[in-house]
ModelCIF file with pLDDT and N, C-alpha, C, O atoms, coordinates in Angstrom:
data_MODEL
#
_entry.id   MODEL 
#
_entity.id                         1 
_entity.type                       polymer 
_entity.pdbx_number_of_molecules   1 
#
_entity_poly.entity_id                      1 
_entity_poly.type                           'polypeptide(L)' 
_entity_poly.nstd_linkage                   no 
_entity_poly.nstd_monomer                   no 
_entity_poly.pdbx_seq_one_letter_code       MSHGITDMSAIEAFLNMIPMNLYAVFGLAMVLATACLDLNVGSMRSHE 
_entity_poly.pdbx_seq_one_letter_code_can   MSHGITDMSAIEAFLNMIPMNLYAVFGLAMVLATACLDLNVGSMRSHE 
_entity_poly.pdbx_strand_id                 A 
#
loop_
_entity_poly_seq.entity_id 
_entity_poly_seq.num 
_entity_poly_seq.mon_id 
_entity_poly_seq.hetero 
1 1  MET n 
1 2  SER n 
1 3  HIS n 
1 4  GLY n 
1 5  ILE n 
1 6  THR n 
1 7  ASP n 
1 8  MET n 
1 9  SER n 
1 10 ALA n 
1 11 ILE n 
1 12 GLU n 
1 13 ALA n 
1 14 PHE n 
1 15 LEU n 
1 16 ASN n 
1 17 MET n 
1 18 ILE n 
1 19 PRO n 
1 20 MET n 
1 21 ASN n 
1 22 LEU n 
1 23 TYR n 
1 24 ALA n 
1 25 VAL n 
1 26 PHE n 
1 27 GLY n 
1 28 LEU n 
1 29 ALA n 
1 30 MET n 
1 31 VAL n 
1 32 LEU n 
1 33 ALA n 
1 34 THR n 
1 35 ALA n 
1 36 CYS n 
1 37 LEU n 
1 38 ASP n 
1 39 LEU n 
1 40 ASN n 
1 41 VAL n 
1 42 GLY n 
1 43 SER n 
1 44 MET n 
1 45 ARG n 
1 46 SER n 
1 47 HIS n 
1 48 GLU n 
#
_struct_asym.id          A 
_struct_asym.entity_id   1 
#
loop_
_ma_qa_metric.id 
_ma_qa_metric.mode 
_ma_qa_metric.name 
_ma_qa_metric.software_group_id 
_ma_qa_metric.type 
1 global pLDDT . pLDDT 
2 local  pLDDT . pLDDT 
#
_ma_qa_metric_global.metric_id      1 
_ma_qa_metric_global.metric_value   86.58 
_ma_qa_metric_global.model_id       1 
_ma_qa_metric_global.ordinal_id     1 
#
loop_
_ma_qa_metric_local.label_asym_id 
_ma_qa_metric_local.label_comp_id 
_ma_qa_metric_local.label_seq_id 
_ma_qa_metric_local.metric_id 
_ma_qa_metric_local.metric_value 
_ma_qa_metric_local.model_id 
_ma_qa_metric_local.ordinal_id 
A MET 1  2 78.00 1 1  
A SER 2  2 72.00 1 2  
A HIS 3  2 75.00 1 3  
A GLY 4  2 79.00 1 4  
A ILE 5  2 79.00 1 5  
A THR 6  2 76.00 1 6  
A ASP 7  2 78.00 1 7  
A MET 8  2 74.00 1 8  
A SER 9  2 71.00 1 9  
A ALA 10 2 75.00 1 10 
A ILE 11 2 72.00 1 11 
A GLU 12 2 78.00 1 12 
A ALA 13 2 84.00 1 13 
A PHE 14 2 85.00 1 14 
A LEU 15 2 84.00 1 15 
A ASN 16 2 89.00 1 16 
A MET 17 2 92.00 1 17 
A ILE 18 2 92.00 1 18 
A PRO 19 2 94.00 1 19 
A MET 20 2 94.00 1 20 
A ASN 21 2 94.00 1 21 
A LEU 22 2 95.00 1 22 
A TYR 23 2 95.00 1 23 
A ALA 24 2 94.00 1 24 
A VAL 25 2 95.00 1 25 
A PHE 26 2 96.00 1 26 
A GLY 27 2 94.00 1 27 
A LEU 28 2 94.00 1 28 
A ALA 29 2 95.00 1 29 
A MET 30 2 94.00 1 30 
A VAL 31 2 93.00 1 31 
A LEU 32 2 93.00 1 32 
A ALA 33 2 93.00 1 33 
A THR 34 2 90.00 1 34 
A ALA 35 2 89.00 1 35 
A CYS 36 2 89.00 1 36 
A LEU 37 2 88.00 1 37 
A ASP 38 2 85.00 1 38 
A LEU 39 2 87.00 1 39 
A ASN 40 2 89.00 1 40 
A VAL 41 2 88.00 1 41 
A GLY 42 2 84.00 1 42 
A SER 43 2 86.00 1 43 
A MET 44 2 89.00 1 44 
A ARG 45 2 86.00 1 45 
A SER 46 2 86.00 1 46 
A HIS 47 2 88.00 1 47 
A GLU 48 2 86.00 1 48 
#
loop_
_atom_site.group_PDB 
_atom_site.id 
_atom_site.type_symbol 
_atom_site.label_atom_id 
_atom_site.label_alt_id 
_atom_site.label_comp_id 
_atom_site.label_asym_id 
_atom_site.label_entity_id 
_atom_site.label_seq_id 
_atom_site.pdbx_PDB_ins_code 
_atom_site.Cartn_x 
_atom_site.Cartn_y 
_atom_site.Cartn_z 
_atom_site.occupancy 
_atom_site.B_iso_or_equiv 
_atom_site.pdbx_formal_charge 
_atom_site.auth_seq_id 
_atom_site.auth_comp_id 
_atom_site.auth_asym_id 
_atom_site.auth_atom_id 
_atom_site.pdbx_PDB_model_num 
ATOM 1   N N  . MET A 1 1  ? -3.487 -7.443  -23.095 1.00 78.00 ? 1  MET A N  1 
ATOM 2   C CA . MET A 1 1  ? -2.731 -8.300  -24.412 1.00 78.00 ? 1  MET A CA 1 
ATOM 3   C C  . MET A 1 1  ? -4.669 -9.027  -24.840 1.00 78.00 ? 1  MET A C  1 
ATOM 4   O O  . MET A 1 1  ? -5.105 -9.036  -25.991 1.00 78.00 ? 1  MET A O  1 
ATOM 5   N N  . SER A 1 2  ? -5.224 -9.376  -24.000 1.00 72.00 ? 2  SER A N  1 
ATOM 6   C CA . SER A 1 2  ? -6.338 -10.263 -24.332 1.00 72.00 ? 2  SER A CA 1 
ATOM 7   C C  . SER A 1 2  ? -7.849 -9.358  -24.383 1.00 72.00 ? 2  SER A C  1 
ATOM 8   O O  . SER A 1 2  ? -8.980 -9.803  -24.581 1.00 72.00 ? 2  SER A O  1 
ATOM 9   N N  . HIS A 1 3  ? -7.507 -8.234  -24.184 1.00 75.00 ? 3  HIS A N  1 
ATOM 10  C CA . HIS A 1 3  ? -8.810 -7.473  -24.465 1.00 75.00 ? 3  HIS A CA 1 
ATOM 11  C C  . HIS A 1 3  ? -8.491 -6.366  -25.073 1.00 75.00 ? 3  HIS A C  1 
ATOM 12  O O  . HIS A 1 3  ? -9.264 -5.423  -25.241 1.00 75.00 ? 3  HIS A O  1 
ATOM 13  N N  . GLY A 1 4  ? -7.304 -6.419  -25.447 1.00 79.00 ? 4  GLY A N  1 
ATOM 14  C CA . GLY A 1 4  ? -7.213 -5.612  -26.500 1.00 79.00 ? 4  GLY A CA 1 
ATOM 15  C C  . GLY A 1 4  ? -6.955 -4.047  -26.624 1.00 79.00 ? 4  GLY A C  1 
ATOM 16  O O  . GLY A 1 4  ? -7.154 -3.151  -27.444 1.00 79.00 ? 4  GLY A O  1 
ATOM 17  N N  . ILE A 1 5  ? -6.167 -4.282  -24.825 1.00 79.00 ? 5  ILE A N  1 
ATOM 18  C CA . ILE A 1 5  ? -5.866 -2.900  -24.655 1.00 79.00 ? 5  ILE A CA 1 
ATOM 19  C C  . ILE A 1 5  ? -4.162 -2.404  -25.256 1.00 79.00 ? 5  ILE A C  1 
ATOM 20  O O  . ILE A 1 5  ? -3.210 -3.135  -24.984 1.00 79.00 ? 5  ILE A O  1 
ATOM 21  N N  . THR A 1 6  ? -3.928 -0.919  -26.192 1.00 76.00 ? 6  THR A N  1 
ATOM 22  C CA . THR A 1 6  ? -2.799 -1.653  -26.579 1.00 76.00 ? 6  THR A CA 1 
ATOM 23  C C  . THR A 1 6  ? -1.854 0.674   -26.168 1.00 76.00 ? 6  THR A C  1 
ATOM 24  O O  . THR A 1 6  ? -0.772 1.220   -26.387 1.00 76.00 ? 6  THR A O  1 
ATOM 25  N N  . ASP A 1 7  ? -3.484 1.172   -25.407 1.00 78.00 ? 7  ASP A N  1 
ATOM 26  C CA . ASP A 1 7  ? -2.463 2.472   -25.709 1.00 78.00 ? 7  ASP A CA 1 
ATOM 27  C C  . ASP A 1 7  ? -1.290 2.572   -24.653 1.00 78.00 ? 7  ASP A C  1 
ATOM 28  O O  . ASP A 1 7  ? -0.349 3.313   -24.940 1.00 78.00 ? 7  ASP A O  1 
ATOM 29  N N  . MET A 1 8  ? -1.268 1.816   -23.333 1.00 74.00 ? 8  MET A N  1 
ATOM 30  C CA . MET A 1 8  ? 0.048  1.271   -22.695 1.00 74.00 ? 8  MET A CA 1 
ATOM 31  C C  . MET A 1 8  ? 0.567  0.504   -22.701 1.00 74.00 ? 8  MET A C  1 
ATOM 32  O O  . MET A 1 8  ? 0.234  -0.391  -23.477 1.00 74.00 ? 8  MET A O  1 
ATOM 33  N N  . SER A 1 9  ? 1.731  0.326   -21.851 1.00 71.00 ? 9  SER A N  1 
ATOM 34  C CA . SER A 1 9  ? 2.385  -0.569  -21.490 1.00 71.00 ? 9  SER A CA 1 
ATOM 35  C C  . SER A 1 9  ? 2.193  -1.833  -20.856 1.00 71.00 ? 9  SER A C  1 
ATOM 36  O O  . SER A 1 9  ? 1.754  -2.759  -21.539 1.00 71.00 ? 9  SER A O  1 
ATOM 37  N N  . ALA A 1 10 ? 2.397  -1.967  -19.930 1.00 75.00 ? 10 ALA A N  1 
ATOM 38  C CA . ALA A 1 10 ? 2.596  -3.136  -18.859 1.00 75.00 ? 10 ALA A CA 1 
ATOM 39  C C  . ALA A 1 10 ? 3.255  -2.644  -17.747 1.00 75.00 ? 10 ALA A C  1 
ATOM 40  O O  . ALA A 1 10 ? 2.523  -2.516  -16.766 1.00 75.00 ? 10 ALA A O  1 
ATOM 41  N N  . ILE A 1 11 ? 4.282  -2.364  -17.615 1.00 72.00 ? 11 ILE A N  1 
ATOM 42  C CA . ILE A 1 11 ? 4.941  -1.597  -17.067 1.00 72.00 ? 11 ILE A CA 1 
ATOM 43  C C  . ILE A 1 11 ? 4.128  0.110   -16.370 1.00 72.00 ? 11 ILE A C  1 
ATOM 44  O O  . ILE A 1 11 ? 3.995  0.615   -15.255 1.00 72.00 ? 11 ILE A O  1 
ATOM 45  N N  . GLU A 1 12 ? 3.764  0.486   -17.787 1.00 78.00 ? 12 GLU A N  1 
ATOM 46  C CA . GLU A 1 12 ? 2.937  2.119   -17.490 1.00 78.00 ? 12 GLU A CA 1 
ATOM 47  C C  . GLU A 1 12 ? 2.096  1.493   -16.309 1.00 78.00 ? 12 GLU A C  1 
ATOM 48  O O  . GLU A 1 12 ? 2.221  1.811   -15.126 1.00 78.00 ? 12 GLU A O  1 
ATOM 49  N N  . ALA A 1 13 ? 0.713  0.013   -17.103 1.00 84.00 ? 13 ALA A N  1 
ATOM 50  C CA . ALA A 1 13 ? -0.064 0.139   -16.017 1.00 84.00 ? 13 ALA A CA 1 
ATOM 51  C C  . ALA A 1 13 ? 0.103  -0.499  -14.671 1.00 84.00 ? 13 ALA A C  1 
ATOM 52  O O  . ALA A 1 13 ? -0.845 -0.533  -13.887 1.00 84.00 ? 13 ALA A O  1 
ATOM 53  N N  . PHE A 1 14 ? 1.218  -0.982  -14.390 1.00 85.00 ? 14 PHE A N  1 
ATOM 54  C CA . PHE A 1 14 ? 1.600  -1.121  -13.270 1.00 85.00 ? 14 PHE A CA 1 
ATOM 55  C C  . PHE A 1 14 ? 2.019  0.486   -12.424 1.00 85.00 ? 14 PHE A C  1 
ATOM 56  O O  . PHE A 1 14 ? 1.865  0.588   -11.207 1.00 85.00 ? 14 PHE A O  1 
ATOM 57  N N  . LEU A 1 15 ? 2.420  1.364   -13.067 1.00 84.00 ? 15 LEU A N  1 
ATOM 58  C CA . LEU A 1 15 ? 2.957  2.275   -12.186 1.00 84.00 ? 15 LEU A CA 1 
ATOM 59  C C  . LEU A 1 15 ? 1.488  3.003   -12.290 1.00 84.00 ? 15 LEU A C  1 
ATOM 60  O O  . LEU A 1 15 ? 0.870  3.258   -11.256 1.00 84.00 ? 15 LEU A O  1 
ATOM 61  N N  . ASN A 1 16 ? 1.038  3.276   -13.384 1.00 89.00 ? 16 ASN A N  1 
ATOM 62  C CA . ASN A 1 16 ? -0.421 4.140   -12.781 1.00 89.00 ? 16 ASN A CA 1 
ATOM 63  C C  . ASN A 1 16 ? -1.390 3.530   -11.562 1.00 89.00 ? 16 ASN A C  1 
ATOM 64  O O  . ASN A 1 16 ? -2.071 4.293   -10.876 1.00 89.00 ? 16 ASN A O  1 
ATOM 65  N N  . MET A 1 17 ? -1.388 2.124   -11.362 1.00 92.00 ? 17 MET A N  1 
ATOM 66  C CA . MET A 1 17 ? -1.808 1.450   -10.052 1.00 92.00 ? 17 MET A CA 1 
ATOM 67  C C  . MET A 1 17 ? -1.408 1.580   -8.967  1.00 92.00 ? 17 MET A C  1 
ATOM 68  O O  . MET A 1 17 ? -2.251 1.496   -8.074  1.00 92.00 ? 17 MET A O  1 
ATOM 69  N N  . ILE A 1 18 ? -0.332 1.773   -8.679  1.00 92.00 ? 18 ILE A N  1 
ATOM 70  C CA . ILE A 1 18 ? 0.539  2.151   -7.208  1.00 92.00 ? 18 ILE A CA 1 
ATOM 71  C C  . ILE A 1 18 ? -0.551 3.700   -6.268  1.00 92.00 ? 18 ILE A C  1 
ATOM 72  O O  . ILE A 1 18 ? -0.975 3.818   -5.119  1.00 92.00 ? 18 ILE A O  1 
ATOM 73  N N  . PRO A 1 19 ? -0.625 4.680   -7.619  1.00 94.00 ? 19 PRO A N  1 
ATOM 74  C CA . PRO A 1 19 ? -2.415 5.109   -5.914  1.00 94.00 ? 19 PRO A CA 1 
ATOM 75  C C  . PRO A 1 19 ? -3.376 4.769   -6.097  1.00 94.00 ? 19 PRO A C  1 
ATOM 76  O O  . PRO A 1 19 ? -4.161 5.639   -5.722  1.00 94.00 ? 19 PRO A O  1 
ATOM 77  N N  . MET A 1 20 ? -3.954 3.807   -6.553  1.00 94.00 ? 20 MET A N  1 
ATOM 78  C CA . MET A 1 20 ? -4.804 2.370   -6.999  1.00 94.00 ? 20 MET A CA 1 
ATOM 79  C C  . MET A 1 20 ? -5.156 1.247   -5.969  1.00 94.00 ? 20 MET A C  1 
ATOM 80  O O  . MET A 1 20 ? -6.205 0.711   -5.612  1.00 94.00 ? 20 MET A O  1 
ATOM 81  N N  . ASN A 1 21 ? -3.285 1.068   -5.509  1.00 94.00 ? 21 ASN A N  1 
ATOM 82  C CA . ASN A 1 21 ? -3.350 0.192   -4.495  1.00 94.00 ? 21 ASN A CA 1 
ATOM 83  C C  . ASN A 1 21 ? -3.109 0.546   -3.209  1.00 94.00 ? 21 ASN A C  1 
ATOM 84  O O  . ASN A 1 21 ? -2.100 0.680   -2.517  1.00 94.00 ? 21 ASN A O  1 
ATOM 85  N N  . LEU A 1 22 ? -4.283 0.665   -3.054  1.00 95.00 ? 22 LEU A N  1 
ATOM 86  C CA . LEU A 1 22 ? -4.921 1.572   -0.968  1.00 95.00 ? 22 LEU A CA 1 
ATOM 87  C C  . LEU A 1 22 ? -4.218 1.034   0.286   1.00 95.00 ? 22 LEU A C  1 
ATOM 88  O O  . LEU A 1 22 ? -3.749 1.537   1.307   1.00 95.00 ? 22 LEU A O  1 
ATOM 89  N N  . TYR A 1 23 ? -4.378 -0.540  -0.366  1.00 95.00 ? 23 TYR A N  1 
ATOM 90  C CA . TYR A 1 23 ? -4.402 -1.390  1.120   1.00 95.00 ? 23 TYR A CA 1 
ATOM 91  C C  . TYR A 1 23 ? -2.311 -0.976  1.384   1.00 95.00 ? 23 TYR A C  1 
ATOM 92  O O  . TYR A 1 23 ? -1.867 -0.253  2.276   1.00 95.00 ? 23 TYR A O  1 
ATOM 93  N N  . ALA A 1 24 ? -1.396 -1.769  0.216   1.00 94.00 ? 24 ALA A N  1 
ATOM 94  C CA . ALA A 1 24 ? 0.184  -1.416  0.570   1.00 94.00 ? 24 ALA A CA 1 
ATOM 95  C C  . ALA A 1 24 ? 0.079  0.376   0.446   1.00 94.00 ? 24 ALA A C  1 
ATOM 96  O O  . ALA A 1 24 ? 1.017  0.858   1.081   1.00 94.00 ? 24 ALA A O  1 
ATOM 97  N N  . VAL A 1 25 ? -0.495 1.085   0.027   1.00 95.00 ? 25 VAL A N  1 
ATOM 98  C CA . VAL A 1 25 ? 0.587  2.605   -0.060  1.00 95.00 ? 25 VAL A CA 1 
ATOM 99  C C  . VAL A 1 25 ? -0.111 3.239   1.271   1.00 95.00 ? 25 VAL A C  1 
ATOM 100 O O  . VAL A 1 25 ? 0.332  4.376   1.435   1.00 95.00 ? 25 VAL A O  1 
ATOM 101 N N  . PHE A 1 26 ? -1.194 2.826   2.424   1.00 96.00 ? 26 PHE A N  1 
ATOM 102 C CA . PHE A 1 26 ? -1.787 3.094   3.591   1.00 96.00 ? 26 PHE A CA 1 
ATOM 103 C C  . PHE A 1 26 ? -1.454 1.745   4.245   1.00 96.00 ? 26 PHE A C  1 
ATOM 104 O O  . PHE A 1 26 ? -2.311 1.693   5.128   1.00 96.00 ? 26 PHE A O  1 
ATOM 105 N N  . GLY A 1 27 ? -1.052 1.127   4.300   1.00 94.00 ? 27 GLY A N  1 
ATOM 106 C CA . GLY A 1 27 ? 0.017  0.088   4.889   1.00 94.00 ? 27 GLY A CA 1 
ATOM 107 C C  . GLY A 1 27 ? 1.205  0.184   5.254   1.00 94.00 ? 27 GLY A C  1 
ATOM 108 O O  . GLY A 1 27 ? 1.903  -0.495  6.008   1.00 94.00 ? 27 GLY A O  1 
ATOM 109 N N  . LEU A 1 28 ? 1.378  1.076   4.662   1.00 94.00 ? 28 LEU A N  1 
ATOM 110 C CA . LEU A 1 28 ? 3.019  1.518   4.503   1.00 94.00 ? 28 LEU A CA 1 
ATOM 111 C C  . LEU A 1 28 ? 2.726  2.920   5.585   1.00 94.00 ? 28 LEU A C  1 
ATOM 112 O O  . LEU A 1 28 ? 3.164  2.917   6.735   1.00 94.00 ? 28 LEU A O  1 
ATOM 113 N N  . ALA A 1 29 ? 1.940  4.062   5.027   1.00 95.00 ? 29 ALA A N  1 
ATOM 114 C CA . ALA A 1 29 ? 1.431  4.789   6.085   1.00 95.00 ? 29 ALA A CA 1 
ATOM 115 C C  . ALA A 1 29 ? 1.542  4.162   6.804   1.00 95.00 ? 29 ALA A C  1 
ATOM 116 O O  . ALA A 1 29 ? 2.705  3.767   6.710   1.00 95.00 ? 29 ALA A O  1 
ATOM 117 N N  . MET A 1 30 ? 0.869  3.489   7.974   1.00 94.00 ? 30 MET A N  1 
ATOM 118 C CA . MET A 1 30 ? 0.638  3.231   9.043   1.00 94.00 ? 30 MET A CA 1 
ATOM 119 C C  . MET A 1 30 ? 1.698  2.579   9.638   1.00 94.00 ? 30 MET A C  1 
ATOM 120 O O  . MET A 1 30 ? 1.857  2.758   10.845  1.00 94.00 ? 30 MET A O  1 
ATOM 121 N N  . VAL A 1 31 ? 2.472  1.844   9.024   1.00 93.00 ? 31 VAL A N  1 
ATOM 122 C CA . VAL A 1 31 ? 3.756  1.414   9.921   1.00 93.00 ? 31 VAL A CA 1 
ATOM 123 C C  . VAL A 1 31 ? 4.867  2.127   9.959   1.00 93.00 ? 31 VAL A C  1 
ATOM 124 O O  . VAL A 1 31 ? 5.896  1.550   10.312  1.00 93.00 ? 31 VAL A O  1 
ATOM 125 N N  . LEU A 1 32 ? 4.919  3.904   9.513   1.00 93.00 ? 32 LEU A N  1 
ATOM 126 C CA . LEU A 1 32 ? 5.403  4.904   9.647   1.00 93.00 ? 32 LEU A CA 1 
ATOM 127 C C  . LEU A 1 32 ? 4.780  5.457   10.964  1.00 93.00 ? 32 LEU A C  1 
ATOM 128 O O  . LEU A 1 32 ? 5.362  6.039   11.879  1.00 93.00 ? 32 LEU A O  1 
ATOM 129 N N  . ALA A 1 33 ? 3.527  5.156   10.853  1.00 93.00 ? 33 ALA A N  1 
ATOM 130 C CA . ALA A 1 33 ? 2.824  5.989   12.193  1.00 93.00 ? 33 ALA A CA 1 
ATOM 131 C C  . ALA A 1 33 ? 3.087  5.201   13.512  1.00 93.00 ? 33 ALA A C  1 
ATOM 132 O O  . ALA A 1 33 ? 3.556  5.540   14.599  1.00 93.00 ? 33 ALA A O  1 
ATOM 133 N N  . THR A 1 34 ? 2.726  4.305   13.135  1.00 90.00 ? 34 THR A N  1 
ATOM 134 C CA . THR A 1 34 ? 2.985  3.154   14.570  1.00 90.00 ? 34 THR A CA 1 
ATOM 135 C C  . THR A 1 34 ? 4.816  3.319   14.815  1.00 90.00 ? 34 THR A C  1 
ATOM 136 O O  . THR A 1 34 ? 5.380  3.426   15.904  1.00 90.00 ? 34 THR A O  1 
ATOM 137 N N  . ALA A 1 35 ? 5.319  3.302   13.756  1.00 89.00 ? 35 ALA A N  1 
ATOM 138 C CA . ALA A 1 35 ? 7.322  4.170   14.128  1.00 89.00 ? 35 ALA A CA 1 
ATOM 139 C C  . ALA A 1 35 ? 7.063  5.540   14.920  1.00 89.00 ? 35 ALA A C  1 
ATOM 140 O O  . ALA A 1 35 ? 7.194  5.648   16.139  1.00 89.00 ? 35 ALA A O  1 
ATOM 141 N N  . CYS A 1 36 ? 6.721  6.452   14.153  1.00 89.00 ? 36 CYS A N  1 
ATOM 142 C CA . CYS A 1 36 ? 6.737  7.659   14.507  1.00 89.00 ? 36 CYS A CA 1 
ATOM 143 C C  . CYS A 1 36 ? 6.112  8.277   16.426  1.00 89.00 ? 36 CYS A C  1 
ATOM 144 O O  . CYS A 1 36 ? 6.606  8.757   17.446  1.00 89.00 ? 36 CYS A O  1 
ATOM 145 N N  . LEU A 1 37 ? 4.737  7.819   15.882  1.00 88.00 ? 37 LEU A N  1 
ATOM 146 C CA . LEU A 1 37 ? 4.115  7.868   17.367  1.00 88.00 ? 37 LEU A CA 1 
ATOM 147 C C  . LEU A 1 37 ? 4.369  6.687   18.427  1.00 88.00 ? 37 LEU A C  1 
ATOM 148 O O  . LEU A 1 37 ? 4.100  6.729   19.627  1.00 88.00 ? 37 LEU A O  1 
ATOM 149 N N  . ASP A 1 38 ? 4.784  5.925   17.917  1.00 85.00 ? 38 ASP A N  1 
ATOM 150 C CA . ASP A 1 38 ? 4.475  4.709   19.216  1.00 85.00 ? 38 ASP A CA 1 
ATOM 151 C C  . ASP A 1 38 ? 3.395  3.913   19.364  1.00 85.00 ? 38 ASP A C  1 
ATOM 152 O O  . ASP A 1 38 ? 2.825  3.926   20.455  1.00 85.00 ? 38 ASP A O  1 
ATOM 153 N N  . LEU A 1 39 ? 2.805  2.894   18.084  1.00 87.00 ? 39 LEU A N  1 
ATOM 154 C CA . LEU A 1 39 ? 1.146  3.130   18.173  1.00 87.00 ? 39 LEU A CA 1 
ATOM 155 C C  . LEU A 1 39 ? 1.027  1.872   19.164  1.00 87.00 ? 39 LEU A C  1 
ATOM 156 O O  . LEU A 1 39 ? 2.101  1.295   19.331  1.00 87.00 ? 39 LEU A O  1 
ATOM 157 N N  . ASN A 1 40 ? -0.089 1.329   19.864  1.00 89.00 ? 40 ASN A N  1 
ATOM 158 C CA . ASN A 1 40 ? 0.040  0.444   20.398  1.00 89.00 ? 40 ASN A CA 1 
ATOM 159 C C  . ASN A 1 40 ? -1.524 -0.169  21.095  1.00 89.00 ? 40 ASN A C  1 
ATOM 160 O O  . ASN A 1 40 ? -1.971 0.282   22.149  1.00 89.00 ? 40 ASN A O  1 
ATOM 161 N N  . VAL A 1 41 ? -2.327 -1.432  20.158  1.00 88.00 ? 41 VAL A N  1 
ATOM 162 C CA . VAL A 1 41 ? -3.419 -0.876  20.258  1.00 88.00 ? 41 VAL A CA 1 
ATOM 163 C C  . VAL A 1 41 ? -3.722 -2.674  19.903  1.00 88.00 ? 41 VAL A C  1 
ATOM 164 O O  . VAL A 1 41 ? -3.376 -3.474  19.035  1.00 88.00 ? 41 VAL A O  1 
ATOM 165 N N  . GLY A 1 42 ? -4.423 -2.687  20.932  1.00 84.00 ? 42 GLY A N  1 
ATOM 166 C CA . GLY A 1 42 ? -5.012 -4.677  21.038  1.00 84.00 ? 42 GLY A CA 1 
ATOM 167 C C  . GLY A 1 42 ? -3.695 -5.481  21.796  1.00 84.00 ? 42 GLY A C  1 
ATOM 168 O O  . GLY A 1 42 ? -2.820 -5.111  22.579  1.00 84.00 ? 42 GLY A O  1 
ATOM 169 N N  . SER A 1 43 ? -4.017 -6.711  21.172  1.00 86.00 ? 43 SER A N  1 
ATOM 170 C CA . SER A 1 43 ? -2.447 -7.517  22.377  1.00 86.00 ? 43 SER A CA 1 
ATOM 171 C C  . SER A 1 43 ? -1.188 -6.399  21.815  1.00 86.00 ? 43 SER A C  1 
ATOM 172 O O  . SER A 1 43 ? -0.069 -6.411  22.327  1.00 86.00 ? 43 SER A O  1 
ATOM 173 N N  . MET A 1 44 ? -1.480 -5.673  20.953  1.00 89.00 ? 44 MET A N  1 
ATOM 174 C CA . MET A 1 44 ? 0.060  -5.238  21.265  1.00 89.00 ? 44 MET A CA 1 
ATOM 175 C C  . MET A 1 44 ? 0.491  -4.296  22.013  1.00 89.00 ? 44 MET A C  1 
ATOM 176 O O  . MET A 1 44 ? 1.558  -3.682  22.032  1.00 89.00 ? 44 MET A O  1 
ATOM 177 N N  . ARG A 1 45 ? -0.781 -4.221  22.853  1.00 86.00 ? 45 ARG A N  1 
ATOM 178 C CA . ARG A 1 45 ? 0.128  -3.276  24.201  1.00 86.00 ? 45 ARG A CA 1 
ATOM 179 C C  . ARG A 1 45 ? 0.768  -4.105  25.708  1.00 86.00 ? 45 ARG A C  1 
ATOM 180 O O  . ARG A 1 45 ? 1.473  -3.853  26.685  1.00 86.00 ? 45 ARG A O  1 
ATOM 181 N N  . SER A 1 46 ? -0.027 -5.239  25.103  1.00 86.00 ? 46 SER A N  1 
ATOM 182 C CA . SER A 1 46 ? -0.046 -6.139  26.401  1.00 86.00 ? 46 SER A CA 1 
ATOM 183 C C  . SER A 1 46 ? 1.795  -6.403  26.176  1.00 86.00 ? 46 SER A C  1 
ATOM 184 O O  . SER A 1 46 ? 2.714  -6.173  26.962  1.00 86.00 ? 46 SER A O  1 
ATOM 185 N N  . HIS A 1 47 ? 1.811  -6.940  24.848  1.00 88.00 ? 47 HIS A N  1 
ATOM 186 C CA . HIS A 1 47 ? 2.992  -7.085  24.394  1.00 88.00 ? 47 HIS A CA 1 
ATOM 187 C C  . HIS A 1 47 ? 4.333  -6.139  24.290  1.00 88.00 ? 47 HIS A C  1 
ATOM 188 O O  . HIS A 1 47 ? 5.283  -6.709  24.825  1.00 88.00 ? 47 HIS A O  1 
ATOM 189 N N  . GLU A 1 48 ? 4.541  -5.354  23.959  1.00 86.00 ? 48 GLU A N  1 
ATOM 190 C CA . GLU A 1 48 ? 5.252  -3.786  24.348  1.00 86.00 ? 48 GLU A CA 1 
ATOM 191 C C  . GLU A 1 48 ? 4.693  -3.548  26.104  1.00 86.00 ? 48 GLU A C  1 
ATOM 192 O O  . GLU A 1 48 ? 5.011  -2.532  26.721  1.00 86.00 ? 48 GLU A O  1 
#
C-alpha cells in the first residue's frame, strides 16, 4: 500500500512468494531427504 502496488492483494503476493522462499522450501526438502535417506552429517553422526 505504501508503494502504490494495487494490482494484487497481500495474500496473492504471499502465495506468489512461496516458490521464492528458497530456504523454507528446500529446508523442508532437506528434512524429507534426511528422513528418507537417513542422512547424518557432522556431530549428528555421533548422536545417531
